[in-house]
């Protein structure tokens, strides 16, 4: 899907707005992400941007 990746800070900001009682659309707009991305964040079972450590070496 085209577009820019969201930052960890945007996810944190979105969740803070949601905890304050804002709707998905308003919280997404205030954190500069799309409402569709906001739904993905809320449906995710993992922690926000959980670091995926690799178990292989890179050059």
C-alpha atoms as a PDB file:
ATOM      1  CA  UNK A   1       0.000   0.000   0.000  1.00  0.00           C
ATOM      2  CA  UNK A   2       1.530   3.354  -0.950  1.00  0.00           C
ATOM      3  CA  UNK A   3       2.217   6.077   1.553  1.00  0.00           C
ATOM      4  CA  UNK A   4       4.537   6.816   4.405  1.00  0.00           C
ATOM      5  CA  UNK A   5       5.079   4.659   7.449  1.00  0.00           C
ATOM      6  CA  UNK A   6       3.695   5.987  10.692  1.00  0.00           C
ATOM      7  CA  UNK A   7       6.054   6.692  13.547  1.00  0.00           C
ATOM      8  CA  UNK A   8       6.038   5.284  17.042  1.00  0.00           C
ATOM      9  CA  UNK A   9       5.211   8.767  18.310  1.00  0.00           C
ATOM     10  CA  UNK A  10       2.124   8.959  16.078  1.00  0.00           C
ATOM     11  CA  UNK A  11       0.854   5.667  17.529  1.00  0.00           C
ATOM     12  CA  UNK A  12       1.469   6.886  21.073  1.00  0.00           C
ATOM     13  CA  UNK A  13      -0.250  10.198  20.351  1.00  0.00           C
ATOM     14  CA  UNK A  14      -3.235   8.416  18.803  1.00  0.00           C
ATOM     15  CA  UNK A  15      -3.640   6.136  21.828  1.00  0.00           C
ATOM     16  CA  UNK A  16      -3.368   9.094  24.224  1.00  0.00           C
ATOM     17  CA  UNK A  17      -6.171  10.882  22.399  1.00  0.00           C
ATOM     18  CA  UNK A  18      -8.310   7.736  22.429  1.00  0.00           C
ATOM     19  CA  UNK A  19      -7.800   7.338  26.195  1.00  0.00           C
ATOM     20  CA  UNK A  20      -9.019  10.921  26.621  1.00  0.00           C
ATOM     21  CA  UNK A  21     -12.322   9.869  25.051  1.00  0.00           C
ATOM     22  CA  UNK A  22     -11.959  11.168  21.504  1.00  0.00           C
ATOM     23  CA  UNK A  23     -13.454   9.273  18.572  1.00  0.00           C
ATOM     24  CA  UNK A  24     -11.254   7.291  16.189  1.00  0.00           C
ATOM     25  CA  UNK A  25     -11.612   9.891  13.453  1.00  0.00           C
ATOM     26  CA  UNK A  26     -10.730  12.859  15.661  1.00  0.00           C
ATOM     27  CA  UNK A  27      -7.817  11.089  17.355  1.00  0.00           C
ATOM     28  CA  UNK A  28      -6.485   9.959  13.958  1.00  0.00           C
ATOM     29  CA  UNK A  29      -6.695  13.469  12.538  1.00  0.00           C
ATOM     30  CA  UNK A  30      -4.887  14.948  15.541  1.00  0.00           C
ATOM     31  CA  UNK A  31      -2.076  12.405  15.227  1.00  0.00           C
ATOM     32  CA  UNK A  32      -1.845  12.818  11.411  1.00  0.00           C
ATOM     33  CA  UNK A  33      -2.812   9.269  10.449  1.00  0.00           C
ATOM     34  CA  UNK A  34      -5.731   7.906   8.456  1.00  0.00           C
ATOM     35  CA  UNK A  35      -8.833   6.494  10.153  1.00  0.00           C
ATOM     36  CA  UNK A  36      -8.094   3.152   8.478  1.00  0.00           C
ATOM     37  CA  UNK A  37      -4.655   3.044  10.101  1.00  0.00           C
ATOM     38  CA  UNK A  38      -6.281   3.944  13.407  1.00  0.00           C
ATOM     39  CA  UNK A  39      -8.544   0.895  13.103  1.00  0.00           C
ATOM     40  CA  UNK A  40      -5.508  -1.284  12.392  1.00  0.00           C
ATOM     41  CA  UNK A  41      -3.760   0.021  15.514  1.00  0.00           C
ATOM     42  CA  UNK A  42      -6.775  -0.778  17.681  1.00  0.00           C
ATOM     43  CA  UNK A  43      -7.316  -4.251  16.201  1.00  0.00           C
ATOM     44  CA  UNK A  44      -3.663  -5.192  16.607  1.00  0.00           C
ATOM     45  CA  UNK A  45      -2.881  -7.752  19.303  1.00  0.00           C
ATOM     46  CA  UNK A  46       0.723  -6.609  19.683  1.00  0.00           C
ATOM     47  CA  UNK A  47       2.084  -3.657  21.559  1.00  0.00           C
ATOM     48  CA  UNK A  48       2.496  -0.488  19.513  1.00  0.00           C
ATOM     49  CA  UNK A  49       5.432  -0.937  17.185  1.00  0.00           C
ATOM     50  CA  UNK A  50       6.854  -3.873  19.103  1.00  0.00           C
ATOM     51  CA  UNK A  51      10.427  -4.232  17.940  1.00  0.00           C
ATOM     52  CA  UNK A  52      10.844  -7.317  15.791  1.00  0.00           C
ATOM     53  CA  UNK A  53      14.288  -8.585  16.728  1.00  0.00           C
ATOM     54  CA  UNK A  54      15.872 -10.767  14.113  1.00  0.00           C
ATOM     55  CA  UNK A  55      17.692 -13.915  14.922  1.00  0.00           C
ATOM     56  CA  UNK A  56      19.941 -13.803  11.853  1.00  0.00           C
ATOM     57  CA  UNK A  57      22.966 -11.706  11.090  1.00  0.00           C
ATOM     58  CA  UNK A  58      23.219  -9.025   8.460  1.00  0.00           C
ATOM     59  CA  UNK A  59      26.333  -7.881   6.702  1.00  0.00           C
END
